[in-house]
Amino acid sequence: MITAENIKNHIEASLPCELVRVEGDDGHHFQAVVVSSEFKGKRTIQQHQLVYQALGDKMKQEIHALSMKTFTPEQWAENT
């Protein structure tokens, strides 16, 4: 069963990030906050696609649902 920590590690290994937080303890439903400079100039859907690409086949097989909020470092600084 996949864990929030597994998801966090996969995102960090495939996408340069300043911050990744993943929560969820039922093994299927997760919530993530991802902050990356790779998101600059991209629309939200494009940002989410980068995260989905980082997770690869895990999104098709192991993760039933992943809700996420994505931010550039500048947007994150404004929101915290």
Protein backbone atom coordinates (compact mmCIF):
# COMPACT_ATOMS: atom_id res chain seq x y z
CA MET A 1 0.00 0.00 0.00
CA ILE A 2 1.32 3.43 -0.92
CA THR A 3 1.81 6.02 1.80
CA ALA A 4 1.86 9.80 1.88
CA GLU A 5 5.62 9.59 2.43
CA ASN A 6 6.02 7.44 -0.72
CA ILE A 7 4.12 9.99 -2.77
CA LYS A 8 6.18 12.84 -1.33
CA ASN A 9 9.41 11.02 -2.19
CA HIS A 10 8.30 10.32 -5.77
CA ILE A 11 7.36 13.95 -6.37
CA GLU A 12 10.64 15.22 -4.89
CA ALA A 13 12.68 12.73 -6.94
CA SER A 14 11.11 13.77 -10.25
CA LEU A 15 10.32 17.46 -9.86
CA PRO A 16 12.53 20.19 -8.38
CA CYS A 17 10.50 21.44 -5.41
CA GLU A 18 10.96 23.92 -2.62
CA LEU A 19 8.24 22.24 -0.55
CA VAL A 20 6.15 19.07 -0.75
CA ARG A 21 3.55 18.14 1.85
CA VAL A 22 1.37 15.09 1.41
CA GLU A 23 -1.31 13.89 3.81
CA GLY A 24 -3.65 10.93 3.81
CA ASP A 25 -3.62 7.76 5.82
CA ASP A 26 -6.12 5.44 4.16
CA GLY A 27 -3.72 4.35 1.39
CA HIS A 28 -5.91 5.64 -1.44
CA HIS A 29 -6.93 9.29 -0.91
CA PHE A 30 -4.29 11.98 -0.51
CA GLN A 31 -3.95 15.76 -0.34
CA ALA A 32 -0.77 17.51 -1.45
CA VAL A 33 0.76 20.97 -1.39
CA VAL A 34 3.60 21.37 -3.89
CA VAL A 35 5.76 24.47 -4.29
CA SER A 36 8.08 24.55 -7.29
CA SER A 37 9.75 27.16 -9.46
CA GLU A 38 8.89 24.81 -12.37
CA PHE A 39 5.32 26.12 -12.08
CA LYS A 40 6.25 29.69 -13.09
CA GLY A 41 4.28 30.85 -16.11
CA LYS A 42 2.09 27.75 -16.17
CA ARG A 43 -1.63 27.50 -15.62
CA THR A 44 -2.92 25.43 -12.71
CA ILE A 45 -3.81 22.47 -14.94
CA GLN A 46 -0.27 22.48 -16.37
CA GLN A 47 1.17 22.57 -12.86
CA HIS A 48 -0.96 19.59 -11.84
CA GLN A 49 0.12 17.72 -14.97
CA LEU A 50 3.76 18.13 -13.92
CA VAL A 51 2.95 16.52 -10.57
CA TYR A 52 1.01 13.71 -12.27
CA GLN A 53 4.00 13.10 -14.56
CA ALA A 54 6.28 12.92 -11.52
CA LEU A 55 4.04 10.19 -10.08
CA GLY A 56 3.81 8.28 -13.36
CA ASP A 57 1.98 4.96 -13.21
CA LYS A 58 1.26 5.36 -9.51
CA MET A 59 -1.63 7.67 -10.50
CA LYS A 60 -3.12 4.88 -12.61
CA GLN A 61 -2.65 1.99 -10.22
CA GLU A 62 -1.95 2.84 -6.58
CA ILE A 63 -3.40 6.30 -5.95
CA HIS A 64 -7.18 6.48 -6.14
CA ALA A 65 -7.47 10.22 -5.49
CA LEU A 66 -4.99 13.06 -5.12
CA SER A 67 -6.19 16.58 -4.49
CA MET A 68 -3.46 19.15 -4.72
CA LYS A 69 -2.64 22.78 -4.40
CA THR A 70 0.33 23.99 -6.42
CA PHE A 71 2.24 27.23 -5.96
CA THR A 72 5.28 29.00 -7.29
CA PRO A 73 7.66 30.06 -4.51
CA GLU A 74 6.37 33.63 -4.87
CA GLN A 75 2.74 32.57 -4.60
CA TRP A 76 3.57 30.43 -1.57
CA ALA A 77 5.29 33.38 0.14
CA GLU A 78 2.18 35.51 -0.42
CA ASN A 79 -0.13 32.82 1.02
CA THR A 80 1.83 31.97 4.15
